[in-house]
Amino acid sequence: MLSAHGGNVILKGEKRRPDAEDQPRFHAAERPYGRFRRVINLGAPVNTHHAEAFLENGLLRIRFPKVANRRGQEVTIEVKAP
């Protein structure tokens, strides 16, 4: 599962142990099995509602559009009169 919350991307999943019948026996394995959760801080303001994720050849790429920097830009504010 892939989600975004606040300024973080959260990746959750489970790596299952392969069937013993199909794999040779090992005394030690360096890759752990079981549930995992990774939280990655984005470090910049992004638009999480327009995210795109691509999984290709075992590589997960996630794209977020940047939020426009309004610092220094003029913003019109509507004034309502009674």
Protein backbone atom coordinates (compact mmCIF):
# COMPACT_ATOMS: atom_id res chain seq x y z
CA MET A 1 0.00 0.00 0.00
CA LEU A 2 1.28 3.44 -0.91
CA SER A 3 -0.13 6.62 0.63
CA ALA A 4 0.76 10.22 1.40
CA HIS A 5 0.05 11.89 4.73
CA GLY A 6 1.24 15.36 5.65
CA GLY A 7 4.70 15.78 4.16
CA ASN A 8 5.43 12.03 4.12
CA VAL A 9 5.04 9.09 1.77
CA ILE A 10 4.10 5.85 3.57
CA LEU A 11 4.86 2.48 2.02
CA LYS A 12 3.40 -0.64 3.70
CA GLY A 13 3.60 -4.23 2.58
CA GLU A 14 4.49 -7.79 3.35
CA LYS A 15 7.26 -9.90 1.89
CA ARG A 16 6.27 -13.54 2.02
CA ARG A 17 8.65 -16.42 2.33
CA PRO A 18 8.74 -18.51 -0.88
CA ASP A 19 7.43 -22.07 -0.78
CA ALA A 20 10.05 -24.42 0.66
CA GLU A 21 9.41 -26.97 -2.07
CA ASP A 22 10.48 -24.56 -4.82
CA GLN A 23 13.59 -23.12 -3.16
CA PRO A 24 16.88 -24.66 -2.01
CA ARG A 25 17.64 -24.74 1.75
CA PHE A 26 19.70 -21.98 3.33
CA HIS A 27 21.54 -21.73 6.64
CA ALA A 28 21.19 -17.95 6.63
CA ALA A 29 19.29 -15.44 4.52
CA GLU A 30 20.06 -11.71 4.50
CA ARG A 31 16.67 -10.60 3.23
CA PRO A 32 14.02 -10.49 5.95
CA TYR A 33 10.45 -11.65 5.49
CA GLY A 34 7.28 -10.33 7.07
CA ARG A 35 5.46 -7.01 7.28
CA PHE A 36 7.25 -3.73 6.71
CA ARG A 37 6.46 -0.01 6.86
CA ARG A 38 8.64 2.81 5.55
CA VAL A 39 7.99 6.53 6.02
CA ILE A 40 9.82 8.90 3.68
CA ASN A 41 9.81 12.65 4.29
CA LEU A 42 9.27 14.60 1.07
CA GLY A 43 11.07 17.71 2.30
CA ALA A 44 9.18 20.09 -0.03
CA PRO A 45 5.54 21.10 -0.46
CA VAL A 46 3.91 18.94 -3.14
CA ASN A 47 0.42 18.29 -4.48
CA THR A 48 -0.44 14.82 -3.14
CA HIS A 49 -3.79 14.72 -4.96
CA HIS A 50 -2.09 14.43 -8.37
CA ALA A 51 0.56 11.84 -7.52
CA GLU A 52 1.62 9.17 -10.00
CA ALA A 53 3.39 5.91 -9.15
CA PHE A 54 5.16 3.56 -11.55
CA LEU A 55 6.56 0.09 -10.81
CA GLU A 56 8.95 -1.17 -13.46
CA ASN A 57 11.69 -3.81 -13.17
CA GLY A 58 11.41 -3.80 -9.38
CA LEU A 59 11.88 -0.01 -9.13
CA LEU A 60 9.07 2.12 -7.67
CA ARG A 61 8.98 5.71 -8.92
CA ILE A 62 6.59 8.24 -7.41
CA ARG A 63 5.96 11.66 -8.94
CA PHE A 64 4.36 14.59 -7.15
CA PRO A 65 3.76 17.96 -8.82
CA LYS A 66 5.33 20.82 -6.88
CA VAL A 67 3.12 23.39 -5.20
CA ALA A 68 3.57 26.82 -6.73
CA ASN A 69 5.62 29.11 -4.55
CA ARG A 70 3.48 32.14 -3.82
CA ARG A 71 6.19 34.00 -1.97
CA GLY A 72 6.69 37.31 -3.73
CA GLN A 73 3.67 36.88 -6.01
CA GLU A 74 0.72 39.22 -5.89
CA VAL A 75 -2.51 37.52 -4.81
CA THR A 76 -5.83 39.27 -5.39
CA ILE A 77 -8.17 39.27 -2.38
CA GLU A 78 -11.84 39.98 -2.96
CA VAL A 79 -13.27 42.68 -0.67
CA LYS A 80 -16.98 42.44 0.04
CA ALA A 81 -18.87 45.58 1.01
CA PRO A 82 -22.23 45.56 2.84
